């Protein structure tokens, strides 16, 4: 069974549903959870005015770090409630690279990632963190899809 489970969280509803699943898997296997939140500094740096106005860049980074605290704390509460050991990682960089690096460095034996479900031109233009993680991971990856039909089936 999986003993060291890493969940990638961006604070979205989809990543929180993925975290619920990861925490339950950890509880059932008597394992632990590591949550990773990645501040995408490359995306921040591409925003107009980010490099020109230090006050804007500092404020944006501050907001991202605050968001990371909220997202990881929410997963921590889930783990605490389930009696699952928990730790957090906040990284800066390209999300898929940092998630993979975090999984390897923490010795995770399962990665759980939420998938927003972009397709077509949007996927080509923006890329997909989940897709990159699956393609390059040497650790098994569990992809949790966007809320929708699968969830309704489970509830009925």
N, C-alpha and C. Protein backbone atom coordinates (compact mmCIF):
# COMPACT_ATOMS: atom_id res chain seq x y z
N UNK A 1 0.84 -1.18 0.00
CA UNK A 1 0.00 0.00 0.00
C UNK A 1 0.89 1.24 0.00
N UNK A 2 0.30 2.36 -0.27
CA UNK A 2 1.04 3.61 -0.33
C UNK A 2 1.20 4.18 1.08
N UNK A 3 2.43 4.46 1.46
CA UNK A 3 2.72 4.98 2.80
C UNK A 3 3.04 6.47 2.81
N UNK A 4 3.68 6.96 1.74
CA UNK A 4 4.04 8.37 1.65
C UNK A 4 3.35 8.96 0.43
N UNK A 5 2.30 9.71 0.68
CA UNK A 5 1.47 10.25 -0.39
C UNK A 5 1.69 11.76 -0.47
N UNK A 6 2.00 12.22 -1.68
CA UNK A 6 2.13 13.67 -1.89
C UNK A 6 0.94 14.17 -2.68
N UNK A 7 0.36 15.25 -2.20
CA UNK A 7 -0.74 15.91 -2.90
C UNK A 7 -0.27 17.28 -3.36
N UNK A 8 -0.48 17.56 -4.65
CA UNK A 8 -0.17 18.89 -5.19
C UNK A 8 -1.44 19.73 -5.05
N UNK A 9 -1.33 20.86 -4.39
CA UNK A 9 -2.49 21.71 -4.17
C UNK A 9 -2.24 23.11 -4.67
N UNK A 10 -3.25 23.66 -5.32
CA UNK A 10 -3.20 25.06 -5.71
C UNK A 10 -4.33 25.84 -5.04
N UNK A 11 -5.02 25.17 -4.12
CA UNK A 11 -6.11 25.82 -3.41
C UNK A 11 -7.45 25.75 -4.12
N UNK A 12 -7.48 25.19 -5.34
CA UNK A 12 -8.72 25.11 -6.09
C UNK A 12 -9.64 24.03 -5.51
N UNK A 13 -10.89 24.09 -5.89
CA UNK A 13 -11.86 23.09 -5.44
C UNK A 13 -11.44 21.69 -5.91
N UNK A 14 -10.93 21.61 -7.13
CA UNK A 14 -10.49 20.32 -7.66
C UNK A 14 -9.32 19.76 -6.85
N UNK A 15 -8.36 20.60 -6.50
CA UNK A 15 -7.22 20.09 -5.71
C UNK A 15 -7.65 19.73 -4.29
N UNK A 16 -8.66 20.38 -3.76
CA UNK A 16 -9.15 20.02 -2.43
C UNK A 16 -9.87 18.67 -2.46
N UNK A 17 -10.59 18.39 -3.54
CA UNK A 17 -11.22 17.07 -3.70
C UNK A 17 -10.14 16.00 -3.84
N UNK A 18 -9.07 16.31 -4.57
CA UNK A 18 -7.95 15.38 -4.69
C UNK A 18 -7.31 15.16 -3.32
N UNK A 19 -7.22 16.21 -2.53
CA UNK A 19 -6.63 16.09 -1.19
C UNK A 19 -7.49 15.20 -0.29
N UNK A 20 -8.81 15.32 -0.40
CA UNK A 20 -9.70 14.46 0.39
C UNK A 20 -9.43 12.99 0.08
N UNK A 21 -9.29 12.69 -1.20
CA UNK A 21 -9.01 11.32 -1.62
C UNK A 21 -7.64 10.86 -1.12
N UNK A 22 -6.64 11.72 -1.23
CA UNK A 22 -5.29 11.38 -0.78
C UNK A 22 -5.25 11.13 0.72
N UNK A 23 -5.94 11.95 1.48
CA UNK A 23 -5.96 11.79 2.94
C UNK A 23 -6.64 10.47 3.30
N UNK A 24 -7.72 10.14 2.62
CA UNK A 24 -8.40 8.87 2.89
C UNK A 24 -7.51 7.68 2.54
N UNK A 25 -6.79 7.75 1.44
CA UNK A 25 -5.84 6.69 1.08
C UNK A 25 -4.76 6.55 2.15
N UNK A 26 -4.25 7.67 2.62
CA UNK A 26 -3.22 7.64 3.67
C UNK A 26 -3.78 7.06 4.96
N UNK A 27 -5.00 7.41 5.29
CA UNK A 27 -5.62 6.88 6.51
C UNK A 27 -5.77 5.36 6.41
N UNK A 28 -6.26 4.89 5.27
CA UNK A 28 -6.48 3.45 5.08
C UNK A 28 -5.18 2.66 5.08
N UNK A 29 -4.11 3.26 4.58
CA UNK A 29 -2.83 2.56 4.50
C UNK A 29 -1.91 2.86 5.68
N UNK A 30 -2.44 3.64 6.65
CA UNK A 30 -1.65 4.07 7.80
C UNK A 30 -0.39 4.79 7.34
N UNK A 31 -0.57 5.62 6.32
CA UNK A 31 0.55 6.38 5.75
C UNK A 31 0.53 7.82 6.19
N UNK A 32 1.25 8.64 5.44
CA UNK A 32 1.36 10.07 5.75
C UNK A 32 1.13 10.89 4.47
N UNK A 33 0.87 12.16 4.69
CA UNK A 33 0.60 13.10 3.59
C UNK A 33 1.66 14.20 3.60
N UNK A 34 2.14 14.53 2.41
CA UNK A 34 2.93 15.73 2.20
C UNK A 34 2.17 16.55 1.17
N UNK A 35 1.87 17.79 1.48
CA UNK A 35 1.21 18.65 0.50
C UNK A 35 2.25 19.62 -0.03
N UNK A 36 2.22 19.83 -1.36
CA UNK A 36 3.12 20.79 -1.98
C UNK A 36 2.30 21.84 -2.71
N UNK A 37 2.67 23.08 -2.48
CA UNK A 37 2.08 24.22 -3.18
C UNK A 37 3.24 24.91 -3.89
N UNK A 38 3.06 25.15 -5.18
CA UNK A 38 4.13 25.78 -5.96
C UNK A 38 3.71 27.17 -6.40
N UNK A 39 4.50 28.16 -5.99
CA UNK A 39 4.32 29.53 -6.47
C UNK A 39 4.97 29.59 -7.85
N UNK A 40 4.14 29.78 -8.86
CA UNK A 40 4.61 29.77 -10.25
C UNK A 40 5.26 31.12 -10.57
N UNK A 41 6.53 31.25 -10.23
CA UNK A 41 7.21 32.53 -10.41
C UNK A 41 7.41 32.88 -11.89
N UNK A 42 7.43 31.89 -12.76
CA UNK A 42 7.57 32.17 -14.19
C UNK A 42 6.31 32.86 -14.72
N UNK A 43 5.17 32.40 -14.28
CA UNK A 43 3.91 33.03 -14.69
C UNK A 43 3.80 34.44 -14.09
N UNK A 44 4.21 34.58 -12.83
CA UNK A 44 4.20 35.90 -12.21
C UNK A 44 5.10 36.88 -12.97
N UNK A 45 6.30 36.42 -13.33
CA UNK A 45 7.27 37.28 -14.01
C UNK A 45 6.79 37.73 -15.37
N UNK A 46 5.86 36.99 -15.98
CA UNK A 46 5.37 37.37 -17.30
C UNK A 46 4.22 38.39 -17.25
N UNK A 47 3.75 38.72 -16.04
CA UNK A 47 2.69 39.71 -15.91
C UNK A 47 3.22 41.10 -16.22
N UNK A 48 2.43 41.91 -16.93
CA UNK A 48 2.87 43.28 -17.24
C UNK A 48 3.17 44.06 -15.96
N UNK A 49 4.32 44.70 -15.93
CA UNK A 49 4.69 45.54 -14.80
C UNK A 49 5.33 44.80 -13.66
N UNK A 50 5.39 43.48 -13.72
CA UNK A 50 5.93 42.70 -12.60
C UNK A 50 7.39 43.07 -12.30
N UNK A 51 8.21 43.14 -13.35
CA UNK A 51 9.62 43.46 -13.13
C UNK A 51 9.87 44.96 -13.04
N UNK A 52 8.97 45.77 -13.60
CA UNK A 52 9.17 47.22 -13.61
C UNK A 52 8.81 47.89 -12.29
N UNK A 53 7.87 47.31 -11.58
CA UNK A 53 7.38 47.93 -10.35
C UNK A 53 7.57 46.98 -9.17
N UNK A 54 8.68 47.16 -8.43
CA UNK A 54 8.98 46.26 -7.32
C UNK A 54 7.86 46.14 -6.29
N UNK A 55 7.11 47.23 -6.09
CA UNK A 55 6.03 47.17 -5.10
C UNK A 55 4.94 46.19 -5.55
N UNK A 56 4.68 46.15 -6.86
CA UNK A 56 3.67 45.22 -7.39
C UNK A 56 4.18 43.79 -7.26
N UNK A 57 5.42 43.56 -7.64
CA UNK A 57 5.96 42.20 -7.58
C UNK A 57 6.01 41.69 -6.14
N UNK A 58 6.39 42.57 -5.21
CA UNK A 58 6.43 42.18 -3.81
C UNK A 58 5.05 41.85 -3.27
N UNK A 59 4.07 42.65 -3.66
CA UNK A 59 2.69 42.42 -3.20
C UNK A 59 2.12 41.14 -3.78
N UNK A 60 2.38 40.88 -5.07
CA UNK A 60 1.91 39.64 -5.70
C UNK A 60 2.52 38.42 -5.03
N UNK A 61 3.80 38.48 -4.76
CA UNK A 61 4.46 37.35 -4.10
C UNK A 61 3.89 37.14 -2.70
N UNK A 62 3.64 38.23 -2.01
CA UNK A 62 3.04 38.15 -0.68
C UNK A 62 1.67 37.47 -0.73
N UNK A 63 0.86 37.85 -1.73
CA UNK A 63 -0.46 37.24 -1.90
C UNK A 63 -0.37 35.76 -2.22
N UNK A 64 0.59 35.38 -3.09
CA UNK A 64 0.77 33.98 -3.45
C UNK A 64 1.21 33.16 -2.23
N UNK A 65 2.09 33.72 -1.41
CA UNK A 65 2.53 33.00 -0.22
C UNK A 65 1.40 32.86 0.80
N UNK A 66 0.55 33.88 0.87
CA UNK A 66 -0.62 33.79 1.75
C UNK A 66 -1.57 32.71 1.25
N UNK A 67 -1.77 32.67 -0.06
CA UNK A 67 -2.61 31.63 -0.65
C UNK A 67 -2.03 30.24 -0.38
N UNK A 68 -0.70 30.13 -0.45
CA UNK A 68 -0.07 28.83 -0.19
C UNK A 68 -0.34 28.38 1.24
N UNK A 69 -0.29 29.30 2.18
CA UNK A 69 -0.56 28.98 3.58
C UNK A 69 -1.99 28.48 3.76
N UNK A 70 -2.93 29.18 3.11
CA UNK A 70 -4.34 28.79 3.23
C UNK A 70 -4.59 27.41 2.62
N UNK A 71 -4.05 27.18 1.42
CA UNK A 71 -4.27 25.91 0.72
C UNK A 71 -3.66 24.75 1.48
N UNK A 72 -2.43 24.92 1.96
CA UNK A 72 -1.78 23.82 2.67
C UNK A 72 -2.39 23.62 4.06
N UNK A 73 -2.84 24.69 4.69
CA UNK A 73 -3.48 24.56 6.00
C UNK A 73 -4.79 23.78 5.90
N UNK A 74 -5.52 23.99 4.82
CA UNK A 74 -6.78 23.26 4.64
C UNK A 74 -6.52 21.76 4.49
N UNK A 75 -5.48 21.40 3.75
CA UNK A 75 -5.13 19.98 3.63
C UNK A 75 -4.64 19.46 4.98
N UNK A 76 -3.90 20.27 5.69
CA UNK A 76 -3.43 19.89 7.02
C UNK A 76 -4.58 19.60 7.98
N UNK A 77 -5.63 20.40 7.90
CA UNK A 77 -6.81 20.17 8.75
C UNK A 77 -7.48 18.85 8.40
N UNK A 78 -7.57 18.55 7.09
CA UNK A 78 -8.14 17.27 6.67
C UNK A 78 -7.33 16.12 7.26
N UNK A 79 -6.01 16.23 7.15
CA UNK A 79 -5.12 15.17 7.65
C UNK A 79 -5.26 15.04 9.16
N UNK A 80 -5.26 16.16 9.86
CA UNK A 80 -5.40 16.16 11.32
C UNK A 80 -6.69 15.45 11.74
N UNK A 81 -7.81 15.83 11.07
CA UNK A 81 -9.10 15.23 11.39
C UNK A 81 -9.11 13.72 11.15
N UNK A 82 -8.33 13.26 10.17
CA UNK A 82 -8.27 11.83 9.85
C UNK A 82 -7.19 11.10 10.64
N UNK A 83 -6.42 11.83 11.45
CA UNK A 83 -5.34 11.22 12.23
C UNK A 83 -4.16 10.80 11.37
N UNK A 84 -3.93 11.54 10.29
CA UNK A 84 -2.86 11.22 9.34
C UNK A 84 -1.70 12.20 9.53
N UNK A 85 -0.48 11.68 9.70
CA UNK A 85 0.68 12.58 9.79
C UNK A 85 0.79 13.45 8.53
N UNK A 86 1.22 14.69 8.73
CA UNK A 86 1.16 15.68 7.66
C UNK A 86 2.38 16.59 7.70
N UNK A 87 2.86 16.94 6.50
CA UNK A 87 3.86 18.01 6.39
C UNK A 87 3.59 18.79 5.12
N UNK A 88 4.14 19.99 5.06
CA UNK A 88 3.89 20.86 3.90
C UNK A 88 5.20 21.32 3.28
N UNK A 89 5.12 21.57 1.96
CA UNK A 89 6.23 22.14 1.22
C UNK A 89 5.67 23.29 0.39
N UNK A 90 6.29 24.46 0.48
CA UNK A 90 5.97 25.57 -0.41
C UNK A 90 7.22 25.81 -1.23
N UNK A 91 7.07 25.70 -2.55
CA UNK A 91 8.21 25.84 -3.46
C UNK A 91 7.92 26.97 -4.44
N UNK A 92 8.98 27.46 -5.05
CA UNK A 92 8.86 28.49 -6.08
C UNK A 92 9.50 27.95 -7.35
N UNK A 93 8.81 28.11 -8.48
CA UNK A 93 9.35 27.66 -9.75
C UNK A 93 8.26 27.21 -10.69
N UNK A 94 8.63 26.34 -11.61
CA UNK A 94 7.67 25.78 -12.58
C UNK A 94 6.94 24.63 -11.86
N UNK A 95 5.60 24.68 -11.79
CA UNK A 95 4.86 23.72 -10.97
C UNK A 95 5.19 22.24 -11.21
N UNK A 96 5.16 21.78 -12.45
CA UNK A 96 5.40 20.35 -12.67
C UNK A 96 6.80 19.95 -12.23
N UNK A 97 7.79 20.78 -12.50
CA UNK A 97 9.17 20.47 -12.09
C UNK A 97 9.28 20.39 -10.57
N UNK A 98 8.69 21.34 -9.89
CA UNK A 98 8.79 21.39 -8.43
C UNK A 98 8.00 20.25 -7.77
N UNK A 99 6.88 19.88 -8.36
CA UNK A 99 6.10 18.75 -7.83
C UNK A 99 6.91 17.47 -7.95
N UNK A 100 7.50 17.24 -9.11
CA UNK A 100 8.32 16.04 -9.32
C UNK A 100 9.52 16.03 -8.38
N UNK A 101 10.18 17.17 -8.27
CA UNK A 101 11.34 17.28 -7.38
C UNK A 101 10.92 17.00 -5.93
N UNK A 102 9.81 17.57 -5.52
CA UNK A 102 9.32 17.36 -4.16
C UNK A 102 8.98 15.90 -3.88
N UNK A 103 8.38 15.24 -4.87
CA UNK A 103 8.02 13.83 -4.70
C UNK A 103 9.26 12.97 -4.52
N UNK A 104 10.28 13.22 -5.33
CA UNK A 104 11.51 12.42 -5.25
C UNK A 104 12.25 12.70 -3.94
N UNK A 105 12.37 13.98 -3.59
CA UNK A 105 13.12 14.34 -2.38
C UNK A 105 12.44 13.86 -1.09
N UNK A 106 11.11 13.79 -1.11
CA UNK A 106 10.39 13.36 0.09
C UNK A 106 10.20 11.84 0.14
N UNK A 107 10.61 11.15 -0.91
CA UNK A 107 10.46 9.69 -0.94
C UNK A 107 9.03 9.24 -1.11
N UNK A 108 8.20 10.07 -1.73
CA UNK A 108 6.78 9.72 -1.92
C UNK A 108 6.65 8.49 -2.80
N UNK A 109 5.66 7.67 -2.49
CA UNK A 109 5.40 6.52 -3.35
C UNK A 109 4.09 6.65 -4.11
N UNK A 110 3.40 7.79 -3.97
CA UNK A 110 2.22 8.12 -4.77
C UNK A 110 2.08 9.63 -4.83
N UNK A 111 1.80 10.13 -6.02
CA UNK A 111 1.49 11.55 -6.23
C UNK A 111 0.01 11.66 -6.55
N UNK A 112 -0.70 12.56 -5.92
CA UNK A 112 -2.11 12.79 -6.22
C UNK A 112 -2.24 14.22 -6.72
N UNK A 113 -2.81 14.35 -7.93
CA UNK A 113 -2.90 15.65 -8.60
C UNK A 113 -4.32 15.82 -9.13
N UNK A 114 -4.88 17.00 -8.91
CA UNK A 114 -6.18 17.32 -9.51
C UNK A 114 -5.98 17.78 -10.94
N UNK A 115 -6.98 17.50 -11.78
CA UNK A 115 -6.91 17.89 -13.18
C UNK A 115 -8.10 18.79 -13.48
N UNK A 116 -7.79 19.96 -14.01
CA UNK A 116 -8.85 20.92 -14.31
C UNK A 116 -9.61 20.53 -15.57
N UNK A 117 -8.96 19.91 -16.53
CA UNK A 117 -9.66 19.42 -17.70
C UNK A 117 -9.66 20.35 -18.89
N UNK A 118 -8.60 21.10 -19.06
CA UNK A 118 -8.49 21.94 -20.25
C UNK A 118 -8.30 21.04 -21.46
N UNK A 119 -8.73 21.53 -22.61
CA UNK A 119 -8.53 20.76 -23.83
C UNK A 119 -8.32 21.72 -24.99
N UNK A 120 -7.95 21.16 -26.12
CA UNK A 120 -7.81 21.94 -27.34
C UNK A 120 -6.77 23.03 -27.24
N UNK A 121 -7.10 24.20 -27.81
CA UNK A 121 -6.18 25.32 -27.87
C UNK A 121 -5.76 25.79 -26.47
N UNK A 122 -6.69 25.78 -25.52
CA UNK A 122 -6.36 26.21 -24.16
C UNK A 122 -5.24 25.35 -23.57
N UNK A 123 -5.31 24.04 -23.82
CA UNK A 123 -4.28 23.12 -23.31
C UNK A 123 -2.94 23.38 -23.98
N UNK A 124 -2.96 23.60 -25.28
CA UNK A 124 -1.72 23.86 -26.03
C UNK A 124 -1.08 25.17 -25.56
N UNK A 125 -1.89 26.19 -25.35
CA UNK A 125 -1.38 27.50 -24.95
C UNK A 125 -0.89 27.50 -23.49
N UNK A 126 -1.62 26.85 -22.61
CA UNK A 126 -1.31 26.93 -21.19
C UNK A 126 -0.53 25.72 -20.67
N UNK A 127 -0.60 24.60 -21.39
CA UNK A 127 0.03 23.39 -20.90
C UNK A 127 -0.80 22.79 -19.78
N UNK A 128 -0.39 21.67 -19.30
CA UNK A 128 -1.11 21.02 -18.23
C UNK A 128 -0.11 20.48 -17.22
N UNK A 129 -0.20 20.97 -16.00
CA UNK A 129 0.70 20.52 -14.95
C UNK A 129 0.52 19.02 -14.74
N UNK A 130 -0.74 18.57 -14.66
CA UNK A 130 -1.01 17.15 -14.43
C UNK A 130 -0.41 16.30 -15.56
N UNK A 131 -0.57 16.74 -16.78
CA UNK A 131 -0.04 15.99 -17.92
C UNK A 131 1.49 15.89 -17.85
N UNK A 132 2.15 16.99 -17.54
CA UNK A 132 3.61 16.99 -17.44
C UNK A 132 4.08 16.09 -16.29
N UNK A 133 3.35 16.12 -15.18
CA UNK A 133 3.72 15.28 -14.05
C UNK A 133 3.59 13.81 -14.43
N UNK A 134 2.48 13.44 -15.04
CA UNK A 134 2.28 12.05 -15.45
C UNK A 134 3.36 11.60 -16.42
N UNK A 135 3.66 12.44 -17.38
CA UNK A 135 4.63 12.09 -18.41
C UNK A 135 6.04 11.87 -17.87
N UNK A 136 6.41 12.61 -16.83
CA UNK A 136 7.80 12.58 -16.37
C UNK A 136 8.01 11.91 -15.01
N UNK A 137 6.96 11.52 -14.35
CA UNK A 137 7.10 10.96 -13.01
C UNK A 137 7.58 9.51 -13.04
N UNK A 138 8.44 9.20 -12.09
CA UNK A 138 8.86 7.82 -11.87
C UNK A 138 8.09 7.23 -10.68
N UNK A 139 7.22 8.04 -10.11
CA UNK A 139 6.36 7.66 -8.99
C UNK A 139 4.95 7.51 -9.56
N UNK A 140 4.17 6.52 -9.13
CA UNK A 140 2.78 6.42 -9.61
C UNK A 140 2.02 7.73 -9.34
N UNK A 141 1.17 8.09 -10.30
CA UNK A 141 0.40 9.33 -10.20
C UNK A 141 -1.09 9.00 -10.28
N UNK A 142 -1.84 9.52 -9.34
CA UNK A 142 -3.30 9.39 -9.35
C UNK A 142 -3.86 10.75 -9.75
N UNK A 143 -4.55 10.79 -10.88
CA UNK A 143 -5.15 12.03 -11.36
C UNK A 143 -6.62 12.04 -10.94
N UNK A 144 -7.02 13.09 -10.26
CA UNK A 144 -8.41 13.26 -9.84
C UNK A 144 -9.03 14.29 -10.77
N UNK A 145 -10.04 13.89 -11.56
CA UNK A 145 -10.61 14.82 -12.54
C UNK A 145 -11.43 15.94 -11.91
N UNK A 146 -11.73 16.92 -12.73
CA UNK A 146 -12.59 18.02 -12.32
C UNK A 146 -13.88 17.46 -11.77
N UNK A 147 -14.46 18.17 -10.82
CA UNK A 147 -15.75 17.75 -10.27
C UNK A 147 -16.75 17.62 -11.40
N UNK A 148 -17.57 16.65 -11.33
CA UNK A 148 -18.55 16.48 -12.41
C UNK A 148 -19.21 15.13 -12.36
N UNK A 149 -19.33 14.53 -13.54
CA UNK A 149 -20.09 13.29 -13.68
C UNK A 149 -19.61 12.18 -12.75
N UNK A 150 -18.31 11.99 -12.61
CA UNK A 150 -17.81 10.90 -11.78
C UNK A 150 -18.26 11.04 -10.35
N UNK A 151 -18.31 12.29 -9.87
CA UNK A 151 -18.72 12.51 -8.48
C UNK A 151 -20.19 12.21 -8.30
N UNK A 152 -21.01 12.61 -9.27
CA UNK A 152 -22.43 12.33 -9.19
C UNK A 152 -22.71 10.83 -9.15
N UNK A 153 -21.94 10.06 -9.92
CA UNK A 153 -22.09 8.60 -9.94
C UNK A 153 -21.76 8.01 -8.57
N UNK A 154 -20.72 8.54 -7.93
CA UNK A 154 -20.32 8.02 -6.63
C UNK A 154 -21.37 8.32 -5.56
N UNK A 155 -22.06 9.44 -5.70
CA UNK A 155 -23.04 9.84 -4.69
C UNK A 155 -24.38 9.14 -4.86
N UNK A 156 -24.66 8.63 -6.06
CA UNK A 156 -25.96 7.97 -6.31
C UNK A 156 -25.92 6.50 -6.02
